Each structure stands twice: as C-alpha cells, then as structure tokens.
Protein backbone atom coordinates (compact mmCIF):
# COMPACT_ATOMS: atom_id res chain seq x y z
CA MET A 1 17.89 -55.33 -0.29
CA LYS A 2 21.32 -56.00 -1.84
CA GLY A 3 22.01 -58.47 0.96
CA LEU A 4 18.90 -60.49 0.11
CA LEU A 5 19.85 -60.53 -3.58
CA TYR A 6 23.34 -61.71 -2.66
CA LEU A 7 21.87 -64.46 -0.48
CA TYR A 8 19.69 -65.68 -3.35
CA GLN A 9 22.65 -65.59 -5.73
CA ARG A 10 24.95 -67.56 -3.44
CA THR A 11 22.22 -70.06 -2.55
CA ILE A 12 21.56 -70.86 -6.21
CA ILE A 13 25.28 -71.09 -7.07
CA ASN A 14 26.05 -73.32 -4.08
CA ARG A 15 23.12 -75.62 -4.84
CA ILE A 16 24.26 -76.00 -8.45
CA LYS A 17 27.84 -76.77 -7.35
CA LYS A 18 26.61 -79.30 -4.79
CA ALA A 19 24.28 -80.93 -7.29
CA LEU A 20 27.02 -81.29 -9.92
CA LYS A 21 29.16 -83.19 -7.42
CA ARG A 22 26.45 -85.79 -6.75
CA PRO A 23 26.08 -88.75 -9.16
CA VAL A 24 22.33 -88.86 -8.52
CA THR A 25 21.99 -85.48 -10.26
CA TYR A 26 23.02 -86.94 -13.61
CA ILE A 27 20.91 -90.07 -13.09
CA MET A 28 17.93 -87.93 -12.15
CA GLY A 29 18.58 -85.71 -15.17
CA ILE A 30 18.44 -88.72 -17.51
CA PHE A 31 15.24 -89.99 -15.92
CA LEU A 32 13.71 -86.51 -16.05
CA LEU A 33 14.61 -86.12 -19.72
CA LEU A 34 13.12 -89.52 -20.57
CA TYR A 35 10.01 -88.68 -18.54
CA ILE A 36 9.55 -85.36 -20.38
CA VAL A 37 9.94 -87.10 -23.75
CA MET A 38 7.44 -89.79 -22.72
CA ILE A 39 4.89 -87.21 -21.50
CA TYR A 40 5.38 -85.13 -24.65
CA ASN A 41 4.82 -88.11 -26.96
CA SER A 42 1.82 -89.37 -24.96
CA PHE A 43 0.21 -85.94 -24.87
CA HIS A 44 0.89 -85.35 -28.55
CA MET A 45 -0.62 -88.72 -29.46
CA MET A 46 -3.69 -88.13 -27.27
CA ILE A 47 -4.38 -84.73 -28.83
CA GLN A 48 -4.05 -86.07 -32.36
CA GLU A 49 -6.14 -89.21 -31.83
CA GLU A 50 -8.88 -87.59 -29.73
CA ASN A 51 -8.98 -84.34 -31.74
CA PHE A 52 -8.38 -82.52 -28.48
CA GLY A 53 -6.36 -79.59 -29.77
CA SER A 54 -8.66 -76.57 -29.50
CA THR A 55 -8.54 -73.31 -27.56
CA GLU A 56 -11.84 -74.27 -25.88
CA ASN A 57 -10.19 -77.32 -24.35
CA LEU A 58 -7.15 -75.25 -23.30
CA VAL A 59 -9.41 -72.73 -21.57
CA THR A 60 -11.27 -75.54 -19.80
CA ILE A 61 -8.03 -77.08 -18.52
CA LEU A 62 -6.77 -73.70 -17.29
CA SER A 63 -10.15 -73.01 -15.65
CA MET A 64 -9.93 -76.27 -13.71
CA VAL A 65 -6.43 -75.38 -12.52
CA ILE A 66 -7.53 -71.87 -11.53
CA PHE A 67 -10.51 -73.09 -9.50
CA TRP A 68 -8.23 -75.45 -7.61
CA LEU A 69 -5.00 -73.46 -7.30
CA ILE A 70 -6.13 -70.01 -6.18
CA PRO A 71 -8.28 -71.21 -3.23
CA ALA A 72 -5.56 -73.70 -2.22
CA ASN A 73 -2.91 -70.95 -2.21
CA LEU A 74 -5.16 -68.60 -0.26
CA ILE A 75 -5.78 -71.33 2.33
CA SER A 76 -2.06 -71.94 2.79
CA TYR A 77 -1.33 -68.22 3.14
CA ALA A 78 -4.23 -67.64 5.55
CA ARG A 79 -2.92 -70.49 7.71
CA ARG A 80 0.59 -69.04 7.38
CA ARG A 81 1.80 -72.29 5.85
CA GLY A 82 2.35 -71.09 2.29
CA LEU A 83 5.84 -69.62 2.60
CA LEU A 84 8.83 -71.71 3.55
CA PHE A 85 11.87 -70.26 5.28
CA ARG A 86 14.84 -72.57 5.62
CA PRO A 87 16.63 -72.62 9.01
CA SER A 88 19.50 -70.51 7.64
CA GLU A 89 16.99 -67.94 6.31
CA VAL A 90 15.28 -67.78 9.70
CA HIS A 91 18.56 -66.76 11.30
CA PHE A 92 19.88 -64.40 8.62
CA VAL A 93 16.83 -62.94 6.84
CA PHE A 94 14.61 -62.24 9.84
CA SER A 95 17.37 -60.27 11.54
CA SER A 96 18.37 -58.34 8.41
CA PRO A 97 17.75 -54.55 8.33
CA VAL A 98 14.89 -54.71 5.81
CA SER A 99 11.16 -54.27 6.20
CA PRO A 100 9.07 -57.34 7.13
CA LYS A 101 7.20 -56.96 3.84
CA MET A 102 10.48 -57.33 1.96
CA VAL A 103 11.19 -60.52 3.91
CA LEU A 104 7.84 -61.88 2.71
CA MET A 105 8.71 -61.02 -0.87
CA PHE A 106 12.07 -62.75 -0.41
CA ALA A 107 10.21 -66.00 0.30
CA GLY A 108 7.52 -65.28 -2.29
CA VAL A 109 10.05 -65.00 -5.12
CA LYS A 110 10.14 -68.80 -5.23
CA SER A 111 6.42 -68.88 -6.06
CA PHE A 112 6.81 -66.09 -8.61
CA ALA A 113 9.63 -68.00 -10.33
CA ILE A 114 7.37 -71.05 -10.55
CA ASN A 115 4.70 -68.81 -12.13
CA ILE A 116 7.17 -67.88 -14.88
CA ILE A 117 7.95 -71.55 -15.59
CA ILE A 118 4.26 -72.47 -15.64
CA GLY A 119 3.54 -69.51 -17.90
CA ILE A 120 6.18 -70.63 -20.40
CA VAL A 121 4.76 -74.19 -20.41
CA ILE A 122 1.22 -72.88 -20.97
CA VAL A 123 2.29 -70.65 -23.85
CA ALA A 124 4.31 -73.44 -25.51
CA ALA A 125 1.50 -75.99 -25.12
CA GLY A 126 -1.13 -73.52 -26.30
CA VAL A 127 0.77 -72.63 -29.46
CA MET A 128 1.95 -76.16 -30.34
CA TRP A 129 -1.12 -78.24 -29.51
CA PHE A 130 -4.21 -76.12 -28.87
CA GLY A 131 -4.15 -73.80 -31.85
CA ALA A 132 -3.56 -70.61 -29.85
CA GLY A 133 -1.91 -67.68 -31.59
CA ILE A 134 1.49 -66.40 -30.52
CA TRP A 135 0.00 -63.05 -29.47
CA GLN A 136 -2.64 -64.85 -27.41
CA GLY A 137 0.08 -66.85 -25.69
CA LEU A 138 2.15 -63.74 -24.97
CA ALA A 139 -0.92 -61.89 -23.66
CA TYR A 140 -1.74 -64.75 -21.30
CA PHE A 141 1.92 -64.98 -20.20
CA LEU A 142 1.85 -61.25 -19.37
CA PHE A 143 -1.42 -61.65 -17.48
CA PHE A 144 -0.34 -64.79 -15.62
CA VAL A 145 3.18 -63.72 -14.71
CA VAL A 146 2.56 -60.02 -13.99
CA PHE A 147 -0.99 -59.56 -12.72
CA GLU A 148 -1.29 -62.97 -11.07
CA SER A 149 2.03 -62.44 -9.30
CA ILE A 150 0.95 -58.98 -8.11
CA LEU A 151 -2.29 -60.43 -6.76
CA GLU A 152 -0.44 -63.31 -5.09
CA ALA A 153 2.15 -60.98 -3.55
CA SER A 154 -0.63 -58.77 -2.21
CA ALA A 155 -2.41 -61.81 -0.75
CA ILE A 156 0.83 -62.91 0.94
CA ILE A 157 1.31 -59.53 2.61
CA PHE A 158 -2.38 -59.31 3.55
CA CYS A 159 -2.42 -62.77 5.18
CA TYR A 160 1.03 -62.72 6.79
CA GLY A 161 1.57 -59.06 7.52
CA ASN A 162 -1.96 -58.10 8.55
CA GLU A 163 -1.88 -57.27 12.26
CA ARG A 164 -5.30 -55.64 12.32
CA PHE A 165 -7.56 -58.66 11.82
CA SER A 166 -7.70 -61.36 14.47
CA GLU A 167 -6.79 -65.01 14.07
CA LYS A 168 -10.50 -65.83 14.04
CA PHE A 169 -10.93 -63.85 10.81
CA PHE A 170 -8.31 -65.90 8.98
CA LYS A 171 -9.73 -69.17 10.35
CA GLY A 172 -13.08 -68.10 8.94
CA LEU A 173 -11.41 -67.34 5.61
CA VAL A 174 -9.89 -70.83 5.54
CA VAL A 175 -13.27 -72.42 6.31
CA ALA A 176 -14.91 -70.33 3.58
CA MET A 177 -12.32 -71.48 1.02
CA TYR A 178 -12.78 -75.10 2.00
CA LEU A 179 -16.54 -74.75 1.69
CA PHE A 180 -16.13 -73.10 -1.72
CA MET A 181 -13.91 -75.92 -2.97
CA GLY A 182 -16.31 -78.49 -1.52
CA VAL A 183 -19.28 -76.89 -3.30
CA ILE A 184 -17.42 -76.86 -6.62
CA VAL A 185 -16.42 -80.52 -6.24
CA ALA A 186 -19.99 -81.44 -5.23
CA ILE A 187 -21.47 -79.65 -8.26
CA ALA A 188 -18.96 -81.31 -10.58
CA ALA A 189 -19.64 -84.74 -9.04
CA TYR A 190 -23.40 -84.21 -9.38
CA LEU A 191 -23.08 -83.29 -13.05
CA MET A 192 -20.77 -86.23 -13.76
CA ILE A 193 -23.18 -88.65 -12.09
CA THR A 194 -26.49 -87.32 -13.43
CA ARG A 195 -25.29 -86.57 -16.95
CA GLU A 196 -23.02 -88.37 -19.35
CA PRO A 197 -19.43 -87.57 -18.30
CA SER A 198 -17.49 -85.73 -20.99
CA PHE A 199 -15.05 -82.91 -21.39
CA GLY A 200 -17.79 -80.91 -23.08
CA LEU A 201 -19.73 -80.98 -19.81
CA LEU A 202 -16.83 -79.19 -18.11
CA GLN A 203 -16.73 -76.66 -20.93
CA GLU A 204 -20.39 -75.84 -20.36
CA PHE A 205 -19.83 -75.57 -16.61
CA PHE A 206 -16.98 -73.04 -16.80
CA ALA A 207 -18.77 -71.08 -19.55
CA LEU A 208 -21.67 -70.27 -17.22
CA PRO A 209 -21.85 -66.52 -16.42
CA VAL A 210 -22.41 -67.25 -12.73
CA ILE A 211 -19.12 -69.16 -12.61
CA GLN A 212 -17.22 -66.34 -14.32
CA MET A 213 -18.64 -63.87 -11.81
CA VAL A 214 -17.27 -65.71 -8.76
CA PRO A 215 -14.96 -63.17 -7.05
CA VAL A 216 -11.28 -63.39 -8.05
CA VAL A 217 -11.40 -67.06 -9.14
CA GLY A 218 -14.22 -66.66 -11.65
CA TRP A 219 -12.86 -63.30 -12.80
CA ASN A 220 -9.57 -65.03 -13.54
CA VAL A 221 -11.43 -67.54 -15.70
CA ALA A 222 -13.20 -64.66 -17.47
CA VAL A 223 -9.85 -63.07 -18.39
CA THR A 224 -8.60 -66.43 -19.68
CA ARG A 225 -11.69 -66.80 -21.88
CA LEU A 226 -11.33 -63.25 -23.16
CA ILE A 227 -7.73 -63.86 -24.25
CA PHE A 228 -8.22 -67.21 -25.98
CA LEU A 229 -11.89 -67.22 -27.05
CA GLY A 230 -12.60 -63.56 -27.70
CA ALA A 231 -14.53 -60.84 -25.90
CA ASP A 232 -18.12 -60.97 -24.75
CA THR A 233 -20.07 -58.99 -22.18
CA VAL A 234 -19.47 -61.40 -19.31
CA ASN A 235 -15.71 -61.82 -19.67
CA ILE A 236 -15.17 -58.08 -20.26
CA ILE A 237 -16.95 -57.35 -16.98
CA GLY A 238 -14.96 -60.15 -15.31
CA MET A 239 -11.67 -58.74 -16.61
CA GLY A 240 -12.55 -55.27 -15.32
CA LEU A 241 -13.44 -56.65 -11.89
CA PHE A 242 -10.22 -58.68 -11.79
CA LEU A 243 -8.04 -55.67 -12.62
CA VAL A 244 -9.85 -53.49 -10.08
CA SER A 245 -9.49 -56.14 -7.37
CA THR A 246 -5.78 -56.57 -8.18
CA VAL A 247 -5.17 -52.80 -7.90
CA LEU A 248 -7.14 -52.57 -4.65
CA MET A 249 -5.29 -55.55 -3.15
CA PHE A 250 -1.95 -54.03 -4.16
CA LEU A 251 -2.79 -50.65 -2.62
CA THR A 252 -4.05 -52.33 0.55
CA ALA A 253 -0.87 -54.36 0.87
CA TRP A 254 1.29 -51.30 0.11
CA ARG A 255 -0.32 -49.14 2.78
CA MET A 256 -0.71 -51.88 5.37
CA GLU A 257 1.38 -51.55 8.52
CA CYS A 258 3.55 -54.61 9.16
CA THR A 259 5.95 -54.92 12.11
CA GLY A 260 6.93 -58.59 11.68
CA ALA A 261 4.51 -60.24 14.09
CA TYR A 262 4.35 -63.20 11.70
CA TYR A 263 8.00 -64.15 12.39
CA GLU A 264 7.04 -66.54 15.20
CA ASP A 265 4.53 -68.44 13.04
CA ALA A 266 6.99 -68.60 10.15
CA MET A 267 9.74 -69.97 12.43
CA LYS A 268 7.36 -72.56 13.88
CA PHE A 269 6.35 -73.74 10.41
CA ALA A 270 10.02 -73.91 9.36
CA ASP A 271 10.76 -76.20 12.33
CA GLU A 272 7.72 -78.38 11.57
CA TYR A 273 8.75 -78.64 7.93
CA GLN A 274 12.29 -79.72 8.83
CA ALA A 275 10.94 -82.38 11.19
CA ARG A 276 8.62 -83.63 8.46
CA ARG A 277 11.53 -83.75 5.99
CA GLU A 278 13.51 -85.91 8.41
CA LYS A 279 10.59 -88.33 8.65
CA GLN A 280 10.28 -88.47 4.87
CA LYS A 281 13.97 -89.29 4.54
CA LYS A 282 13.29 -92.33 6.73
CA GLY A 283 10.38 -93.37 4.51
CA VAL A 284 7.65 -92.23 6.88
CA ALA A 285 4.95 -89.79 5.80
CA SER A 286 2.73 -88.03 8.33
CA ILE A 287 -0.16 -85.59 8.37
CA PRO A 288 0.64 -82.70 10.77
CA TRP A 289 -3.01 -82.14 11.75
CA LEU A 290 -3.46 -85.78 12.74
CA GLU A 291 -0.15 -85.85 14.60
CA LYS A 292 -1.14 -82.77 16.58
CA HIS A 293 -4.59 -84.02 17.60
CA ARG A 294 -3.73 -87.69 18.08
CA LYS A 295 -4.56 -89.09 21.52
CA PHE A 296 -3.31 -92.38 22.89
CA LYS A 297 -5.02 -94.77 25.26
CA GLN A 298 -3.80 -97.34 27.74
CA ALA A 299 -3.20 -100.80 26.31
CA SER A 300 -1.54 -104.09 27.10
CA VAL A 301 -0.44 -107.10 25.12
CA GLU A 302 0.46 -110.67 26.03
CA TYR A 303 3.86 -111.62 24.63
CA LYS A 304 3.79 -115.09 23.10
CA GLY A 305 6.85 -116.74 21.66
CA SER A 306 10.45 -115.66 21.87
CA TYR A 307 13.34 -114.06 20.05
CA ALA A 308 12.32 -111.92 17.04
CA LYS A 309 8.61 -112.29 17.84
CA ALA A 310 9.17 -109.66 20.53
CA ILE A 311 9.42 -107.05 17.73
CA TYR A 312 5.94 -107.94 16.48
CA PHE A 313 4.32 -107.80 19.91
CA ARG A 314 6.02 -104.51 20.76
CA GLN A 315 4.59 -102.99 17.57
CA MET A 316 1.18 -104.46 18.37
CA LEU A 317 1.30 -102.76 21.78
CA GLU A 318 2.03 -99.39 20.12
CA TYR A 319 -0.80 -99.83 17.64
CA LYS A 320 -3.28 -100.80 20.37
CA LYS A 321 -2.55 -97.47 22.06
CA ASN A 322 -3.69 -95.76 18.88
CA PRO A 323 -7.50 -95.19 18.74
CA THR A 324 -7.56 -96.24 15.07
CA PHE A 325 -5.39 -99.33 15.72
CA ILE A 326 -3.35 -100.22 12.60
CA PHE A 327 -5.51 -98.12 10.29
CA GLY A 328 -4.76 -94.58 9.15
CA TRP A 329 -5.26 -92.07 6.35
CA ASN A 330 -4.18 -94.64 3.78
CA THR A 331 -7.11 -96.84 4.85
CA LEU A 332 -9.54 -93.96 4.33
CA LEU A 333 -7.94 -93.27 0.95
CA CYS A 334 -8.45 -96.88 -0.14
CA LEU A 335 -12.05 -96.81 1.05
CA GLY A 336 -12.71 -93.55 -0.82
CA ILE A 337 -11.11 -94.83 -4.03
CA GLY A 338 -13.04 -98.10 -3.76
CA ILE A 339 -16.35 -96.25 -3.36
CA LEU A 340 -15.42 -93.94 -6.26
CA ILE A 341 -14.66 -96.90 -8.53
CA GLY A 342 -17.96 -98.50 -7.57
CA ALA A 343 -19.98 -95.28 -8.06
CA VAL A 344 -18.41 -94.42 -11.42
CA GLY A 345 -18.82 -97.98 -12.63
CA TYR A 346 -22.47 -98.10 -11.56
CA PHE A 347 -23.62 -94.75 -12.96
CA ASN A 348 -21.70 -95.06 -16.23
CA ASP A 349 -22.56 -98.67 -17.04
CA ALA A 350 -18.90 -99.73 -17.01
CA VAL A 351 -19.91 -103.39 -17.31
CA ASN A 352 -21.13 -102.91 -20.89
CA GLU A 353 -18.67 -100.15 -21.79
CA PHE A 354 -15.48 -102.01 -20.84
CA GLY A 355 -16.72 -105.56 -21.39
CA PRO A 356 -14.19 -108.24 -20.41
CA ALA A 357 -11.59 -105.53 -19.65
CA LYS A 358 -13.58 -104.52 -16.55
CA ILE A 359 -11.58 -106.98 -14.44
CA PHE A 360 -8.42 -104.89 -14.95
CA ILE A 361 -9.90 -101.61 -13.68
CA VAL A 362 -9.46 -102.27 -9.95
CA PRO A 363 -5.93 -103.78 -10.24
CA GLY A 364 -4.86 -100.89 -12.46
CA VAL A 365 -6.13 -98.23 -10.06
CA ALA A 366 -4.69 -100.12 -7.05
CA SER A 367 -1.26 -100.35 -8.70
CA TYR A 368 -1.30 -96.61 -9.39
CA VAL A 369 -2.26 -95.87 -5.77
CA ILE A 370 0.60 -98.01 -4.48
CA PHE A 371 3.05 -96.29 -6.82
CA ILE A 372 1.96 -92.75 -5.88
CA PHE A 373 1.16 -93.09 -2.16
CA SER A 374 4.13 -95.18 -1.06
CA GLY A 375 5.14 -93.37 2.13
CA TYR A 376 2.38 -93.77 4.68
CA ALA A 377 3.48 -94.00 8.31
CA THR A 378 4.77 -97.38 9.52
CA LYS A 379 6.42 -98.79 12.63
CA TRP A 380 8.93 -101.16 11.09
CA SER A 381 11.42 -98.48 10.01
CA LYS A 382 11.86 -97.45 13.64
CA GLU A 383 13.17 -100.93 14.45
CA LEU A 384 16.37 -100.19 12.55
CA GLU A 385 17.06 -97.31 14.96
CA ASN A 386 16.77 -99.49 18.08
CA PRO A 387 20.07 -101.09 19.19
CA TYR A 388 18.29 -104.01 20.88
CA THR A 389 16.93 -105.15 17.48
CA TYR A 390 20.44 -106.19 16.49
CA LEU A 391 21.09 -107.91 19.83
CA ILE A 392 18.14 -110.32 19.50
CA PRO A 393 19.63 -113.82 18.93
CA ASP A 394 17.63 -114.62 15.79
CA THR A 395 18.17 -114.65 12.03
CA PRO A 396 17.96 -111.33 10.10
CA LEU A 397 15.16 -112.74 7.89
CA LYS A 398 12.97 -113.53 10.92
CA LYS A 399 13.62 -110.07 12.34
CA LEU A 400 12.56 -108.54 9.03
CA TRP A 401 9.40 -110.68 8.90
CA TYR A 402 8.22 -109.83 12.40
CA ALA A 403 9.09 -106.16 11.91
CA THR A 404 6.86 -106.00 8.82
CA LYS A 405 4.17 -108.56 9.68
CA ILE A 406 1.58 -105.96 10.69
CA GLU A 407 2.05 -104.15 7.37
CA HIS A 408 0.69 -107.22 5.56
CA PHE A 409 -2.44 -107.23 7.75
CA ARG A 410 -2.79 -103.57 6.89
CA ALA A 411 -2.44 -104.34 3.19
CA ILE A 412 -5.15 -107.02 3.38
CA ALA A 413 -7.61 -104.56 4.94
CA ASP A 414 -6.74 -101.85 2.39
CA GLY A 415 -6.99 -104.35 -0.46
CA ILE A 416 -10.49 -105.38 0.60
CA LEU A 417 -11.65 -101.76 0.86
CA ILE A 418 -10.30 -100.72 -2.53
CA THR A 419 -11.48 -103.90 -4.31
CA LEU A 420 -14.88 -104.88 -2.90
CA PRO A 421 -17.07 -101.88 -3.98
CA GLY A 422 -15.80 -102.02 -7.55
CA ALA A 423 -16.08 -105.81 -7.68
CA VAL A 424 -19.75 -105.61 -6.66
CA THR A 425 -20.80 -102.94 -9.19
CA LEU A 426 -18.63 -104.30 -12.02
CA GLY A 427 -19.91 -107.83 -11.54
CA ILE A 428 -16.52 -109.41 -10.87
CA GLY A 429 -16.74 -112.98 -9.55
CA PRO A 430 -15.60 -114.12 -6.07
CA ALA A 431 -12.47 -115.87 -7.38
CA LEU A 432 -11.18 -112.81 -9.27
CA THR A 433 -12.08 -110.56 -6.32
CA VAL A 434 -9.96 -112.65 -3.95
CA LEU A 435 -7.12 -112.79 -6.48
CA THR A 436 -7.27 -109.00 -6.91
CA ILE A 437 -6.99 -108.52 -3.14
CA LEU A 438 -4.03 -110.92 -2.99
CA LEU A 439 -2.41 -109.07 -5.90
CA TYR A 440 -2.77 -105.79 -3.98
CA VAL A 441 -1.15 -107.37 -0.91
CA CYS A 442 1.67 -108.72 -3.09
CA LEU A 443 2.26 -105.31 -4.69
CA GLN A 444 2.39 -103.64 -1.26
CA ALA A 445 4.88 -106.23 -0.02
CA ASN A 446 6.96 -105.74 -3.15
CA ARG A 447 7.03 -101.98 -2.56
CA LEU A 448 7.97 -102.47 1.08
CA TYR A 449 10.81 -104.97 0.68
CA TYR A 450 12.29 -103.47 -2.47
CA GLY A 451 12.39 -100.12 -0.68
CA MET A 452 14.37 -101.79 2.10
CA LEU A 453 16.63 -103.42 -0.50
CA ALA A 454 17.32 -100.06 -2.13
CA ASP A 455 18.21 -98.61 1.28
CA ALA A 456 20.61 -101.46 1.95
CA LEU A 457 22.28 -101.30 -1.48
CA VAL A 458 22.51 -97.54 -1.95
CA GLY A 459 22.53 -96.20 1.61
CA ASN A 460 23.25 -92.47 1.60
CA THR A 461 25.50 -92.60 -1.47
CA LEU A 462 22.86 -91.35 -3.93
CA GLY A 463 20.58 -89.62 -1.42
CA ASN A 464 16.84 -90.10 -1.00
CA THR A 465 16.15 -89.48 -4.71
CA GLY A 466 18.68 -92.11 -5.74
CA ARG A 467 17.17 -94.68 -3.39
CA ASN A 468 13.71 -94.02 -4.81
CA LEU A 469 14.97 -94.44 -8.36
CA VAL A 470 16.62 -97.75 -7.50
CA LYS A 471 13.42 -98.92 -5.76
CA ILE A 472 11.30 -97.94 -8.78
CA LEU A 473 13.71 -99.80 -11.07
CA PHE A 474 13.44 -102.99 -9.01
CA GLN A 475 9.66 -102.67 -8.75
CA GLY A 476 9.33 -102.07 -12.48
CA LEU A 477 11.37 -105.17 -13.31
CA ALA A 478 9.36 -107.34 -10.91
CA ILE A 479 6.02 -106.09 -12.24
CA PHE A 480 7.19 -106.52 -15.84
CA ILE A 481 8.19 -110.14 -15.21
CA GLY A 482 4.91 -110.73 -13.37
CA ILE A 483 2.89 -109.29 -16.26
CA ILE A 484 4.68 -111.57 -18.74
CA ALA A 485 3.83 -114.59 -16.60
CA ALA A 486 0.22 -113.41 -16.30
CA VAL A 487 -0.16 -112.94 -20.07
CA VAL A 488 1.26 -116.38 -20.83
CA ALA A 489 -0.91 -118.11 -18.22
CA GLY A 490 -3.96 -116.09 -19.25
CA ILE A 491 -3.61 -117.08 -22.92
CA LEU A 492 -2.83 -120.74 -22.27
CA ILE A 493 -5.23 -121.40 -19.39
CA SER A 494 -7.60 -118.67 -18.12
CA VAL A 495 -7.80 -115.15 -16.75
CA GLU A 496 -7.85 -116.49 -13.18
CA ALA A 497 -4.70 -118.47 -13.92
CA GLY A 498 -3.09 -115.30 -15.24
CA PHE A 499 -3.81 -113.44 -12.00
CA PHE A 500 -2.57 -116.40 -9.96
CA ALA A 501 0.64 -116.67 -12.03
CA MET A 502 1.41 -112.99 -11.51
CA ILE A 503 0.85 -113.32 -7.75
CA VAL A 504 3.13 -116.39 -7.54
CA VAL A 505 5.92 -114.89 -9.67
CA MET A 506 5.84 -111.53 -7.89
CA GLY A 507 5.63 -113.34 -4.55
CA LEU A 508 8.83 -115.25 -5.31
CA LEU A 509 10.61 -112.10 -6.52
CA THR A 510 9.41 -110.23 -3.46
CA PHE A 511 10.69 -112.97 -1.15
CA ALA A 512 14.06 -112.83 -2.90
CA GLY A 513 14.14 -109.06 -2.37
CA ALA A 514 13.16 -109.48 1.30
CA ALA A 515 15.90 -112.06 1.85
CA ALA A 516 18.46 -109.71 0.32
CA ALA A 517 17.09 -106.73 2.29
CA SER A 518 17.34 -108.62 5.59
CA VAL A 519 21.02 -107.67 5.66
CA SER A 520 19.74 -104.37 7.14
CA PHE A 521 19.02 -106.26 10.37
CA THR A 522 22.56 -107.61 10.77
CA LYS A 523 24.18 -104.43 12.10
CA MET A 524 23.32 -100.74 12.41
CA GLU A 525 26.20 -99.64 10.17
CA VAL A 526 24.62 -101.18 7.04
CA LEU A 527 22.40 -98.16 6.33
CA GLU A 528 25.03 -95.53 7.07
C-alpha cells in the first residue's frame, strides 16, 4: 500500500517538474485562464439575461448529466475499458505484493479525484448562480464525493474483479445500458419534436416519479431533488433505495473473490490506448471498433500522369480497398447533423423564428463541427513518413496538393450532406446552398493546411498541445479576416456577395498557408 502511495506521489511530482520545464505549459495556462474567464462571463450573462438562476434549473442540469454519465461509466467498466494503466504501471503495479482489488482502486483514484473537482464546481456554481444554500451545496458535495465514489468503486470491482459471471453476462449488461440510453434519447427527441422545446419540458420529464424510480440512475436524481428542492414521498423512497443499493454493492465488492484475472484485459487496453495516442499525435483519429472489424477488398487503379501524381493514385488505390471508399465516421456525422438541422428547423418553424438569420444556421453549425472534430483519419499524413515522397522529382507544393487532393473530395461530400437537409427545410436558395457548401470545403482546407503549417513551424518544440494552439491561432485570424470581408461585401452588395467574399479571402489565406506548409515535403528532418 505504501508503495502505491509513493508511486502516486512521485508521478505527480515528476509531472509537475516536467511541465514547468516546457514553455507550452505557461502558454496553455494563459489560454486556460482566458477560457475560464470567458466561460464564466458568458454563463453569468446568460443566467442574468434569461433569468436562469434557480435550483430547479440546477437540478435539471444535474439530472441530465446523471442520466448520461452513470450508464456511460458502467458501459466502460463492463467492457473493461474504463480504467487506464500506463505502461509503467502495468510493469510495476501488477507485480506489486498487493491485492488485485487494491490495484483497481489505484487506477480508480483518478476518477475519484475528478469527482472531487466536479463536486467543487457544482457547489460553487449552485451557490453563486442558482440560489442554492451553502448547506445544500455541502450536502450534495458529501453525497457526490462520498456515496457516488463508493458506488463507483464497487462497480469497478464488480465489473473488473468478478470472476464468477461469464463474459456473456457483461456483454448483456453493456447492451442493456445502450438500450436504456437509446430509450431515454428517443423519449427526449419525441417530446422535443411533438411539443414546444423548452427547458421547462426537461424539468417536467425528470420530475416524473417513474423517472426517479429508475434503478440507481433515477434514485440518484431523487437524492439530488431531495437536497435542492426539498423532500417528498418519491425522492425519500428514491434516496432510501439509493443508499441500500450502495451498501449492498459495497458489501458485494468487499466479499467478492478476486485473483487478478482482469490483468490481461487491462494490459491489452493499455497497449491499445498507447497505439491510439501515437496516432493522435500524428493528427489521425480512429475508432477502435471500426479498425478491428474493418475488411479490405481487392482493388486496382490505373496510374495516369507522372511525378507527384503518383501520391494521389497510390492513396486512391488504398481507398478503393476500403469498402466505404473515402467515406468514414465523419461522413455519417455530417449526415446526422444535417438531418438534425433539417428536422429541428421543420418542426420548430425556424423559417419564421429566425427570419433572415436562418441562412447563418448551417454555416455556424458546420464551422463548429470542423473546429471540434478536426482529427478524423486521413492518408496524407502517412506520406510524410515515406522516404520515397521526398525523392520524387517534383515541387513541394505539387506534392502537398496531390497528397491532400482526396481530402477536398471528401470535404465536398461532407459539405453537401451537412448543408442540403437544412437548406431544404429552411428555404435557402440554390445560390446560397452552393456557397455554403463551398464555404465548408474552404474551412476544411484551412484546417488541414494550417495544421500542417503549425507542424512545420513548431515541430516537437511545444508538443502536440502547442501545435494545436498555433493552428487555432492561425485559423482564428483567417476566419476573422474572412468575416470582415463578408460583412463589408454583405453591406455594400448582397448576402451572396458576402459569402463569396469570405470564400475568396479565406481561399487566398489558405493557399498562402499551404504554400508555406509545403516546406514539410522538402526533407524528412523538417518535422523533427
């Protein structure tokens, strides 16, 4: 036990020392501080203007988090993907002379520490903005940090250390949790579509006795309502059931026999996580389930042209082996968001509600999607690892173009999927629809080439976080300049001219970034 405590102590101290030696730590600290201030001011303004500061709204927000977080955690633990052991911990902790349950708690401490931070944030927000009393905040902190952590620790031991139930049982548990979450989302979507969407609708939903009586999750909501809104028959019964279930889970975990059979699964997940981290450092995101079940087919391609064009045709050959061709999870995401925009706009009469501003809905959502989901899997980044790329007798700019050409086709398809459903239901004309698609393609190209530029300028000096910050800075400047051009053209000429001006300006800035980033294709040492 003392050895595990010493390991935690040294790990934290060494990480702090390492972080203080890296310039990106201070840059990230400044950005984080500014972000916190911005979020605080925005949230404070929203609560004051919308008259949102009430304990009922706080309870509703917490209920939404509970109904999402607890099933998600249980799914990850049942799949033995909820605890992360670093490679050094696999070697030192697994072989240490402590019980396997203690090893699980060693990894679980990270989650429990996060619970403490979240509890502090909830208490501070509840007291400052939602009119909760100090004693209510402290009572919820005690409940969240102590009882929730005991329940989570018991669930960890039950899912990882249980050697009595078969793998089929835990697969069934995962399926049941997914079905539960699907039912909740379906009910919420039905209510939002058939009734007027409002936060009060969510309050009514989580106040239903049947919701508060849902095992564990609903009982948790009942305790939350009891603390902040006062006692009633339903939440008193829910609190009693929650406490009884927590005690029973604790006793079950305490008496359960555990010999460490989960070590193999934990080591396998640790290896998979490290491999995924390496891909993320290269700017490639992947979904493990899809990677595991992906099947390739035979394909051929006719090479046309010479020099750097060989890069494009080689990528095309790889994509043709893929059953989904150039499309992936990002394509499905764009399709889903496009359908969602269209459905929400249709059922909520967005045409009359937003008026002329309806034309900015799709571009705004598309920009946010590009900003958040910026790491979907690509082929171009692999070209920088191939020595023959640098031996091709062609200009670096042409190499860059043919290495990224397919990504633009991808962006066109995604832009159509995310734009067309909303354009139809919102009544946006053909010209603005085409301009919106082109703007999406331009934003994707800007993200792509400015990411390459950040890699070339920063390299490994500031780490992955530093490169992302530099990329965001460049993107922000380009978008800001593009918006200024759009506003000027929109005021002087027309809305269509504003869209076109933003596309042209951002296109020129993106080309400048691509030309500067092409230095990456001159020699392999550039990115080191």
